[in-house]
PDB file of N, CA and C in Angstrom:
ATOM      1  N   UNK A   1     -89.605-144.058  73.744  1.00  0.00           N
ATOM      2  CA  UNK A   1     -89.791-142.729  74.243  1.00  0.00           C
ATOM      3  C   UNK A   1     -89.595-141.707  73.125  1.00  0.00           C
ATOM      4  N   UNK A   2     -90.254-140.598  73.258  1.00  0.00           N
ATOM      5  CA  UNK A   2     -90.125-139.518  72.259  1.00  0.00           C
ATOM      6  C   UNK A   2     -88.770-138.849  72.478  1.00  0.00           C
ATOM      7  N   UNK A   3     -88.321-138.016  71.502  1.00  0.00           N
ATOM      8  CA  UNK A   3     -87.041-137.317  71.695  1.00  0.00           C
ATOM      9  C   UNK A   3     -86.994-136.595  73.016  1.00  0.00           C
ATOM     10  N   UNK A   4     -85.796-136.515  73.597  1.00  0.00           N
ATOM     11  CA  UNK A   4     -85.550-135.841  74.884  1.00  0.00           C
ATOM     12  C   UNK A   4     -86.218-136.600  76.017  1.00  0.00           C
ATOM     13  N   UNK A   5     -86.612-137.833  75.811  1.00  0.00           N
ATOM     14  CA  UNK A   5     -87.306-138.630  76.846  1.00  0.00           C
ATOM     15  C   UNK A   5     -88.525-137.915  77.401  1.00  0.00           C
ATOM     16  N   UNK A   6     -89.198-137.180  76.535  1.00  0.00           N
ATOM     17  CA  UNK A   6     -90.398-136.479  76.950  1.00  0.00           C
ATOM     18  C   UNK A   6     -91.639-137.116  76.343  1.00  0.00           C
ATOM     19  N   UNK A   7     -92.717-136.921  76.989  1.00  0.00           N
ATOM     20  CA  UNK A   7     -94.002-137.370  76.487  1.00  0.00           C
ATOM     21  C   UNK A   7     -94.588-136.295  75.606  1.00  0.00           C
ATOM     22  N   UNK A   8     -95.365-136.711  74.622  1.00  0.00           N
ATOM     23  CA  UNK A   8     -95.999-135.751  73.776  1.00  0.00           C
ATOM     24  C   UNK A   8     -97.300-135.296  74.404  1.00  0.00           C
ATOM     25  N   UNK A   9     -97.446-133.968  74.523  1.00  0.00           N
ATOM     26  CA  UNK A   9     -98.671-133.351  75.036  1.00  0.00           C
ATOM     27  C   UNK A   9     -99.721-133.468  73.920  1.00  0.00           C
ATOM     28  N   UNK A  10    -100.823-134.136  74.225  1.00  0.00           N
ATOM     29  CA  UNK A  10    -101.867-134.338  73.220  1.00  0.00           C
ATOM     30  C   UNK A  10    -102.865-133.178  73.252  1.00  0.00           C
ATOM     31  N   UNK A  11    -103.554-132.936  72.120  1.00  0.00           N
ATOM     32  CA  UNK A  11    -104.449-131.809  72.011  1.00  0.00           C
ATOM     33  C   UNK A  11    -105.839-132.047  72.611  1.00  0.00           C
ATOM     34  N   UNK A  12    -105.914-132.896  73.592  1.00  0.00           N
ATOM     35  CA  UNK A  12    -107.202-133.136  74.289  1.00  0.00           C
ATOM     36  C   UNK A  12    -106.876-133.391  75.775  1.00  0.00           C
ATOM     37  N   UNK A  13    -107.901-133.395  76.564  1.00  0.00           N
ATOM     38  CA  UNK A  13    -107.740-133.636  77.996  1.00  0.00           C
ATOM     39  C   UNK A  13    -108.574-134.860  78.407  1.00  0.00           C
ATOM     40  N   UNK A  14    -108.326-135.315  79.605  1.00  0.00           N
ATOM     41  CA  UNK A  14    -109.150-136.442  80.117  1.00  0.00           C
ATOM     42  C   UNK A  14    -110.474-135.862  80.631  1.00  0.00           C
ATOM     43  N   UNK A  15    -111.404-136.691  81.060  1.00  0.00           N
ATOM     44  CA  UNK A  15    -112.731-136.193  81.503  1.00  0.00           C
ATOM     45  C   UNK A  15    -112.662-135.198  82.658  1.00  0.00           C
ATOM     46  N   UNK A  16    -111.550-135.221  83.420  1.00  0.00           N
ATOM     47  CA  UNK A  16    -111.378-134.288  84.533  1.00  0.00           C
ATOM     48  C   UNK A  16    -110.691-132.998  84.089  1.00  0.00           C
ATOM     49  N   UNK A  17    -110.374-132.877  82.797  1.00  0.00           N
ATOM     50  CA  UNK A  17    -109.713-131.669  82.280  1.00  0.00           C
ATOM     51  C   UNK A  17    -108.210-131.686  82.447  1.00  0.00           C
ATOM     52  N   UNK A  18    -107.658-132.829  82.822  1.00  0.00           N
ATOM     53  CA  UNK A  18    -106.201-132.951  82.985  1.00  0.00           C
ATOM     54  C   UNK A  18    -105.563-133.241  81.616  1.00  0.00           C
ATOM     55  N   UNK A  19    -104.316-132.794  81.386  1.00  0.00           N
ATOM     56  CA  UNK A  19    -103.670-133.041  80.114  1.00  0.00           C
ATOM     57  C   UNK A  19    -103.424-134.525  79.886  1.00  0.00           C
ATOM     58  N   UNK A  20    -103.394-134.916  78.612  1.00  0.00           N
ATOM     59  CA  UNK A  20    -103.085-136.286  78.209  1.00  0.00           C
ATOM     60  C   UNK A  20    -101.748-136.260  77.468  1.00  0.00           C
ATOM     61  N   UNK A  21    -100.974-137.334  77.668  1.00  0.00           N
ATOM     62  CA  UNK A  21     -99.659-137.434  77.075  1.00  0.00           C
ATOM     63  C   UNK A  21     -99.547-138.756  76.334  1.00  0.00           C
ATOM     64  N   UNK A  22     -98.616-138.794  75.381  1.00  0.00           N
ATOM     65  CA  UNK A  22     -98.341-140.003  74.614  1.00  0.00           C
ATOM     66  C   UNK A  22     -96.870-140.300  74.664  1.00  0.00           C
ATOM     67  N   UNK A  23     -96.508-141.534  74.932  1.00  0.00           N
ATOM     68  CA  UNK A  23     -95.134-141.968  74.899  1.00  0.00           C
ATOM     69  C   UNK A  23     -95.017-142.940  73.741  1.00  0.00           C
ATOM     70  N   UNK A  24     -94.220-142.547  72.718  1.00  0.00           N
ATOM     71  CA  UNK A  24     -94.036-143.427  71.569  1.00  0.00           C
ATOM     72  C   UNK A  24     -92.825-142.977  70.778  1.00  0.00           C
ATOM     73  N   UNK A  25     -92.195-143.938  70.117  1.00  0.00           N
ATOM     74  CA  UNK A  25     -91.136-143.653  69.179  1.00  0.00           C
ATOM     75  C   UNK A  25     -91.669-143.539  67.747  1.00  0.00           C
ATOM     76  N   UNK A  26     -92.944-143.876  67.567  1.00  0.00           N
ATOM     77  CA  UNK A  26     -93.574-143.930  66.267  1.00  0.00           C
ATOM     78  C   UNK A  26     -94.398-142.675  66.034  1.00  0.00           C
ATOM     79  N   UNK A  27     -93.796-141.676  65.369  1.00  0.00           N
ATOM     80  CA  UNK A  27     -94.535-140.443  65.062  1.00  0.00           C
ATOM     81  C   UNK A  27     -95.601-140.631  64.001  1.00  0.00           C
ATOM     82  N   UNK A  28     -95.591-141.815  63.353  1.00  0.00           N
ATOM     83  CA  UNK A  28     -96.582-142.118  62.348  1.00  0.00           C
ATOM     84  C   UNK A  28     -97.665-143.052  62.862  1.00  0.00           C
ATOM     85  N   UNK A  29     -97.656-143.322  64.161  1.00  0.00           N
ATOM     86  CA  UNK A  29     -98.637-144.218  64.718  1.00  0.00           C
ATOM     87  C   UNK A  29    -100.035-143.585  64.745  1.00  0.00           C
ATOM     88  N   UNK A  30    -101.043-144.394  64.994  1.00  0.00           N
ATOM     89  CA  UNK A  30    -102.431-143.900  64.951  1.00  0.00           C
ATOM     90  C   UNK A  30    -102.665-142.686  65.877  1.00  0.00           C
ATOM     91  N   UNK A  31    -102.274-142.772  67.126  1.00  0.00           N
ATOM     92  CA  UNK A  31    -102.528-141.661  68.039  1.00  0.00           C
ATOM     93  C   UNK A  31    -101.723-140.414  67.649  1.00  0.00           C
ATOM     94  N   UNK A  32    -100.503-140.597  67.165  1.00  0.00           N
ATOM     95  CA  UNK A  32     -99.701-139.452  66.730  1.00  0.00           C
ATOM     96  C   UNK A  32    -100.363-138.738  65.551  1.00  0.00           C
ATOM     97  N   UNK A  33    -100.845-139.561  64.585  1.00  0.00           N
ATOM     98  CA  UNK A  33    -101.514-139.004  63.400  1.00  0.00           C
ATOM     99  C   UNK A  33    -102.797-138.325  63.803  1.00  0.00           C
ATOM    100  N   UNK A  34    -103.569-138.922  64.706  1.00  0.00           N
ATOM    101  CA  UNK A  34    -104.807-138.315  65.195  1.00  0.00           C
ATOM    102  C   UNK A  34    -104.500-136.977  65.861  1.00  0.00           C
ATOM    103  N   UNK A  35    -103.498-136.957  66.695  1.00  0.00           N
ATOM    104  CA  UNK A  35    -103.122-135.688  67.364  1.00  0.00           C
ATOM    105  C   UNK A  35    -102.682-134.648  66.340  1.00  0.00           C
ATOM    106  N   UNK A  36    -101.906-135.040  65.332  1.00  0.00           N
ATOM    107  CA  UNK A  36    -101.499-134.095  64.306  1.00  0.00           C
ATOM    108  C   UNK A  36    -102.701-133.529  63.575  1.00  0.00           C
ATOM    109  N   UNK A  37    -103.651-134.418  63.235  1.00  0.00           N
ATOM    110  CA  UNK A  37    -104.863-133.924  62.520  1.00  0.00           C
ATOM    111  C   UNK A  37    -105.699-132.995  63.366  1.00  0.00           C
ATOM    112  N   UNK A  38    -105.825-133.300  64.669  1.00  0.00           N
ATOM    113  CA  UNK A  38    -106.605-132.403  65.546  1.00  0.00           C
ATOM    114  C   UNK A  38    -105.896-131.067  65.692  1.00  0.00           C
ATOM    115  N   UNK A  39    -104.598-131.098  65.854  1.00  0.00           N
ATOM    116  CA  UNK A  39    -103.830-129.810  65.952  1.00  0.00           C
ATOM    117  C   UNK A  39    -104.004-128.982  64.683  1.00  0.00           C
ATOM    118  N   UNK A  40    -103.939-129.644  63.513  1.00  0.00           N
ATOM    119  CA  UNK A  40    -104.097-128.937  62.239  1.00  0.00           C
ATOM    120  C   UNK A  40    -105.485-128.337  62.137  1.00  0.00           C
ATOM    121  N   UNK A  41    -106.488-129.073  62.609  1.00  0.00           N
ATOM    122  CA  UNK A  41    -107.868-128.569  62.604  1.00  0.00           C
ATOM    123  C   UNK A  41    -107.992-127.375  63.535  1.00  0.00           C
ATOM    124  N   UNK A  42    -107.427-127.482  64.709  1.00  0.00           N
ATOM    125  CA  UNK A  42    -107.504-126.375  65.676  1.00  0.00           C
ATOM    126  C   UNK A  42    -106.842-125.114  65.106  1.00  0.00           C
ATOM    127  N   UNK A  43    -105.681-125.252  64.478  1.00  0.00           N
ATOM    128  CA  UNK A  43    -105.005-124.087  63.916  1.00  0.00           C
ATOM    129  C   UNK A  43    -105.771-123.546  62.708  1.00  0.00           C
ATOM    130  N   UNK A  44    -106.370-124.404  61.938  1.00  0.00           N
ATOM    131  CA  UNK A  44    -107.202-123.963  60.790  1.00  0.00           C
ATOM    132  C   UNK A  44    -108.416-123.194  61.265  1.00  0.00           C
ATOM    133  N   UNK A  45    -109.100-123.686  62.312  1.00  0.00           N
ATOM    134  CA  UNK A  45    -110.260-122.982  62.854  1.00  0.00           C
ATOM    135  C   UNK A  45    -109.859-121.655  63.434  1.00  0.00           C
ATOM    136  N   UNK A  46    -108.702-121.597  64.081  1.00  0.00           N
ATOM    137  CA  UNK A  46    -108.194-120.365  64.647  1.00  0.00           C
ATOM    138  C   UNK A  46    -107.941-119.312  63.538  1.00  0.00           C
ATOM    139  N   UNK A  47    -107.426-119.754  62.432  1.00  0.00           N
ATOM    140  CA  UNK A  47    -107.190-118.864  61.284  1.00  0.00           C
ATOM    141  C   UNK A  47    -108.504-118.306  60.736  1.00  0.00           C
ATOM    142  N   UNK A  48    -109.491-119.167  60.603  1.00  0.00           N
ATOM    143  CA  UNK A  48    -110.808-118.751  60.143  1.00  0.00           C
ATOM    144  C   UNK A  48    -111.431-117.767  61.140  1.00  0.00           C
ATOM    145  N   UNK A  49    -111.303-118.047  62.408  1.00  0.00           N
ATOM    146  CA  UNK A  49    -111.845-117.189  63.431  1.00  0.00           C
ATOM    147  C   UNK A  49    -111.181-115.797  63.426  1.00  0.00           C
ATOM    148  N   UNK A  50    -109.880-115.802  63.194  1.00  0.00           N
ATOM    149  CA  UNK A  50    -109.142-114.525  63.106  1.00  0.00           C
ATOM    150  C   UNK A  50    -109.691-113.697  61.959  1.00  0.00           C
ATOM    151  N   UNK A  51    -109.936-114.308  60.811  1.00  0.00           N
ATOM    152  CA  UNK A  51    -110.496-113.585  59.667  1.00  0.00           C
ATOM    153  C   UNK A  51    -111.876-113.045  60.035  1.00  0.00           C
ATOM    154  N   UNK A  52    -112.702-113.835  60.745  1.00  0.00           N
ATOM    155  CA  UNK A  52    -114.011-113.397  61.172  1.00  0.00           C
ATOM    156  C   UNK A  52    -113.883-112.230  62.162  1.00  0.00           C
ATOM    157  N   UNK A  53    -112.901-112.316  63.069  1.00  0.00           N
ATOM    158  CA  UNK A  53    -112.715-111.255  64.061  1.00  0.00           C
ATOM    159  C   UNK A  53    -112.384-109.922  63.379  1.00  0.00           C
ATOM    160  N   UNK A  54    -111.566-110.001  62.349  1.00  0.00           N
ATOM    161  CA  UNK A  54    -111.242-108.772  61.619  1.00  0.00           C
ATOM    162  C   UNK A  54    -112.470-108.134  60.996  1.00  0.00           C
ATOM    163  N   UNK A  55    -113.376-108.962  60.508  1.00  0.00           N
ATOM    164  CA  UNK A  55    -114.633-108.458  59.922  1.00  0.00           C
ATOM    165  C   UNK A  55    -115.525-107.832  61.015  1.00  0.00           C
ATOM    166  N   UNK A  56    -115.664-108.534  62.117  1.00  0.00           N
ATOM    167  CA  UNK A  56    -116.521-108.032  63.204  1.00  0.00           C
ATOM    168  C   UNK A  56    -115.966-106.748  63.768  1.00  0.00           C
ATOM    169  N   UNK A  57    -114.660-106.659  63.956  1.00  0.00           N
ATOM    170  CA  UNK A  57    -114.059-105.459  64.529  1.00  0.00           C
ATOM    171  C   UNK A  57    -114.105-104.288  63.564  1.00  0.00           C
ATOM    172  N   UNK A  58    -114.187-104.563  62.275  1.00  0.00           N
ATOM    173  CA  UNK A  58    -114.319-103.487  61.273  1.00  0.00           C
ATOM    174  C   UNK A  58    -115.727-102.933  61.220  1.00  0.00           C
ATOM    175  N   UNK A  59    -116.676-103.716  61.758  1.00  0.00           N
ATOM    176  CA  UNK A  59    -118.071-103.309  61.781  1.00  0.00           C
ATOM    177  C   UNK A  59    -118.326-102.401  62.972  1.00  0.00           C
ATOM    178  N   UNK A  60    -118.470-101.133  62.770  1.00  0.00           N
ATOM    179  CA  UNK A  60    -118.647-100.169  63.834  1.00  0.00           C
ATOM    180  C   UNK A  60    -119.964-100.367  64.573  1.00  0.00           C
ATOM    181  N   UNK A  61    -120.835-101.138  63.994  1.00  0.00           N
ATOM    182  CA  UNK A  61    -122.178-101.343  64.619  1.00  0.00           C
ATOM    183  C   UNK A  61    -122.305-102.735  65.302  1.00  0.00           C
ATOM    184  N   UNK A  62    -121.177-103.409  65.447  1.00  0.00           N
ATOM    185  CA  UNK A  62    -121.220-104.721  66.167  1.00  0.00           C
ATOM    186  C   UNK A  62    -121.685-104.471  67.585  1.00  0.00           C
ATOM    187  N   UNK A  63    -122.626-105.308  68.036  1.00  0.00           N
ATOM    188  CA  UNK A  63    -123.157-105.096  69.395  1.00  0.00           C
ATOM    189  C   UNK A  63    -122.293-105.822  70.434  1.00  0.00           C
ATOM    190  N   UNK A  64    -122.561-105.505  71.707  1.00  0.00           N
ATOM    191  CA  UNK A  64    -121.711-106.071  72.768  1.00  0.00           C
ATOM    192  C   UNK A  64    -121.859-107.581  72.867  1.00  0.00           C
ATOM    193  N   UNK A  65    -123.039-108.104  72.572  1.00  0.00           N
ATOM    194  CA  UNK A  65    -123.183-109.558  72.624  1.00  0.00           C
ATOM    195  C   UNK A  65    -122.328-110.238  71.569  1.00  0.00           C
ATOM    196  N   UNK A  66    -122.310-109.695  70.359  1.00  0.00           N
ATOM    197  CA  UNK A  66    -121.470-110.250  69.313  1.00  0.00           C
ATOM    198  C   UNK A  66    -119.986-110.119  69.685  1.00  0.00           C
ATOM    199  N   UNK A  67    -119.586-108.974  70.244  1.00  0.00           N
ATOM    200  CA  UNK A  67    -118.191-108.805  70.638  1.00  0.00           C
ATOM    201  C   UNK A  67    -117.803-109.748  71.778  1.00  0.00           C
ATOM    202  N   UNK A  68    -118.735-109.940  72.703  1.00  0.00           N
ATOM    203  CA  UNK A  68    -118.465-110.874  73.816  1.00  0.00           C
ATOM    204  C   UNK A  68    -118.285-112.284  73.300  1.00  0.00           C
ATOM    205  N   UNK A  69    -119.148-112.715  72.371  1.00  0.00           N
ATOM    206  CA  UNK A  69    -119.026-114.053  71.788  1.00  0.00           C
ATOM    207  C   UNK A  69    -117.700-114.170  71.039  1.00  0.00           C
ATOM    208  N   UNK A  70    -117.339-113.119  70.309  1.00  0.00           N
ATOM    209  CA  UNK A  70    -116.057-113.122  69.577  1.00  0.00           C
ATOM    210  C   UNK A  70    -114.897-113.267  70.559  1.00  0.00           C
ATOM    211  N   UNK A  71    -114.922-112.530  71.651  1.00  0.00           N
ATOM    212  CA  UNK A  71    -113.840-112.592  72.622  1.00  0.00           C
ATOM    213  C   UNK A  71    -113.765-114.024  73.248  1.00  0.00           C
ATOM    214  N   UNK A  72    -114.915-114.608  73.510  1.00  0.00           N
ATOM    215  CA  UNK A  72    -114.947-115.953  74.058  1.00  0.00           C
ATOM    216  C   UNK A  72    -114.367-116.949  73.066  1.00  0.00           C
ATOM    217  N   UNK A  73    -114.760-116.870  71.805  1.00  0.00           N
ATOM    218  CA  UNK A  73    -114.272-117.750  70.768  1.00  0.00           C
ATOM    219  C   UNK A  73    -112.759-117.556  70.562  1.00  0.00           C
ATOM    220  N   UNK A  74    -112.320-116.304  70.522  1.00  0.00           N
ATOM    221  CA  UNK A  74    -110.898-116.043  70.346  1.00  0.00           C
ATOM    222  C   UNK A  74    -110.065-116.584  71.500  1.00  0.00           C
ATOM    223  N   UNK A  75    -110.600-116.473  72.740  1.00  0.00           N
ATOM    224  CA  UNK A  75    -109.911-117.009  73.889  1.00  0.00           C
ATOM    225  C   UNK A  75    -109.722-118.509  73.760  1.00  0.00           C
ATOM    226  N   UNK A  76    -110.755-119.218  73.342  1.00  0.00           N
ATOM    227  CA  UNK A  76    -110.637-120.673  73.149  1.00  0.00           C
ATOM    228  C   UNK A  76    -109.636-120.988  72.058  1.00  0.00           C
ATOM    229  N   UNK A  77    -109.673-120.264  70.961  1.00  0.00           N
ATOM    230  CA  UNK A  77    -108.759-120.541  69.865  1.00  0.00           C
ATOM    231  C   UNK A  77    -107.314-120.245  70.281  1.00  0.00           C
ATOM    232  N   UNK A  78    -107.102-119.185  71.044  1.00  0.00           N
ATOM    233  CA  UNK A  78    -105.759-118.859  71.512  1.00  0.00           C
ATOM    234  C   UNK A  78    -105.246-119.909  72.473  1.00  0.00           C
ATOM    235  N   UNK A  79    -106.140-120.377  73.335  1.00  0.00           N
ATOM    236  CA  UNK A  79    -105.770-121.467  74.260  1.00  0.00           C
ATOM    237  C   UNK A  79    -105.316-122.697  73.507  1.00  0.00           C
ATOM    238  N   UNK A  80    -106.092-123.084  72.459  1.00  0.00           N
ATOM    239  CA  UNK A  80    -105.686-124.216  71.632  1.00  0.00           C
ATOM    240  C   UNK A  80    -104.366-123.987  70.929  1.00  0.00           C
ATOM    241  N   UNK A  81    -104.177-122.798  70.383  1.00  0.00           N
ATOM    242  CA  UNK A  81    -102.916-122.488  69.646  1.00  0.00           C
ATOM    243  C   UNK A  81    -101.702-122.547  70.585  1.00  0.00           C
ATOM    244  N   UNK A  82    -101.861-122.028  71.788  1.00  0.00           N
ATOM    245  CA  UNK A  82    -100.769-122.096  72.774  1.00  0.00           C
ATOM    246  C   UNK A  82    -100.480-123.541  73.148  1.00  0.00           C
ATOM    247  N   UNK A  83    -101.495-124.355  73.270  1.00  0.00           N
ATOM    248  CA  UNK A  83    -101.366-125.774  73.590  1.00  0.00           C
ATOM    249  C   UNK A  83    -100.598-126.472  72.458  1.00  0.00           C
ATOM    250  N   UNK A  84    -100.966-126.196  71.216  1.00  0.00           N
ATOM    251  CA  UNK A  84    -100.276-126.784  70.073  1.00  0.00           C
ATOM    252  C   UNK A  84     -98.797-126.349  70.052  1.00  0.00           C
ATOM    253  N   UNK A  85     -98.566-125.050  70.265  1.00  0.00           N
ATOM    254  CA  UNK A  85     -97.193-124.555  70.270  1.00  0.00           C
ATOM    255  C   UNK A  85     -96.356-125.193  71.375  1.00  0.00           C
ATOM    256  N   UNK A  86     -96.966-125.360  72.531  1.00  0.00           N
ATOM    257  CA  UNK A  86     -96.254-125.985  73.656  1.00  0.00           C
ATOM    258  C   UNK A  86     -95.897-127.424  73.308  1.00  0.00           C
ATOM    259  N   UNK A  87     -96.867-128.165  72.753  1.00  0.00           N
ATOM    260  CA  UNK A  87     -96.645-129.534  72.400  1.00  0.00           C
ATOM    261  C   UNK A  87     -95.525-129.662  71.339  1.00  0.00           C
ATOM    262  N   UNK A  88     -95.616-128.831  70.351  1.00  0.00           N
ATOM    263  CA  UNK A  88     -94.615-128.874  69.257  1.00  0.00           C
ATOM    264  C   UNK A  88     -93.249-128.393  69.703  1.00  0.00           C
ATOM    265  N   UNK A  89     -93.264-127.405  70.594  1.00  0.00           N
ATOM    266  CA  UNK A  89     -91.988-126.919  71.112  1.00  0.00           C
ATOM    267  C   UNK A  89     -91.246-127.953  71.930  1.00  0.00           C
ATOM    268  N   UNK A  90     -91.954-128.761  72.666  1.00  0.00           N
ATOM    269  CA  UNK A  90     -91.344-129.832  73.453  1.00  0.00           C
ATOM    270  C   UNK A  90     -90.730-130.887  72.571  1.00  0.00           C
ATOM    271  N   UNK A  91     -91.163-130.971  71.342  1.00  0.00           N
ATOM    272  CA  UNK A  91     -90.671-132.019  70.460  1.00  0.00           C
ATOM    273  C   UNK A  91     -89.546-131.542  69.566  1.00  0.00           C
ATOM    274  N   UNK A  92     -89.143-130.264  69.677  1.00  0.00           N
ATOM    275  CA  UNK A  92     -88.031-129.768  68.899  1.00  0.00           C
ATOM    276  C   UNK A  92     -86.737-130.335  69.455  1.00  0.00           C
ATOM    277  N   UNK A  93     -85.757-130.580  68.581  1.00  0.00           N
ATOM    278  CA  UNK A  93     -84.481-131.083  69.071  1.00  0.00           C
ATOM    279  C   UNK A  93     -83.784-130.045  69.937  1.00  0.00           C
ATOM    280  N   UNK A  94     -83.095-130.490  70.965  1.00  0.00           N
ATOM    281  CA  UNK A  94     -82.317-129.593  71.802  1.00  0.00           C
ATOM    282  C   UNK A  94     -81.053-129.220  71.055  1.00  0.00           C
ATOM    283  N   UNK A  95     -80.801-127.914  70.892  1.00  0.00           N
ATOM    284  CA  UNK A  95     -79.578-127.505  70.178  1.00  0.00           C
ATOM    285  C   UNK A  95     -78.337-127.940  70.934  1.00  0.00           C
ATOM    286  N   UNK A  96     -77.348-128.357  70.165  1.00  0.00           N
ATOM    287  CA  UNK A  96     -76.080-128.763  70.802  1.00  0.00           C
ATOM    288  C   UNK A  96     -75.232-127.503  71.007  1.00  0.00           C
ATOM    289  N   UNK A  97     -74.470-127.534  72.100  1.00  0.00           N
ATOM    290  CA  UNK A  97     -73.595-126.385  72.431  1.00  0.00           C
ATOM    291  C   UNK A  97     -72.304-126.516  71.573  1.00  0.00           C
ATOM    292  N   UNK A  98     -71.870-125.371  70.994  1.00  0.00           N
ATOM    293  CA  UNK A  98     -70.642-125.405  70.169  1.00  0.00           C
ATOM    294  C   UNK A  98     -69.420-125.723  70.967  1.00  0.00           C
TER     295      UNK A  98
END
């Protein structure tokens, strides 16, 4: 089992859109490494998208279609980032009481 007897929330869903979880003591196992790589890719893409968003928003002539696409892309990136944060937060050690 993972620390705190919790399952690791993976950065993908099943075909029905339900969350997938991993139970393992091996953080270096294949699925753990795959999940780590996907999370890193998601966060990297979100960073690139944020840079792009700053450029689009600085363009006073950006049209509504471009802004709508940007909002859609940012929503997806934010959803992924929250998912990664939730997964990583569950794996943090529980602080001991003094």
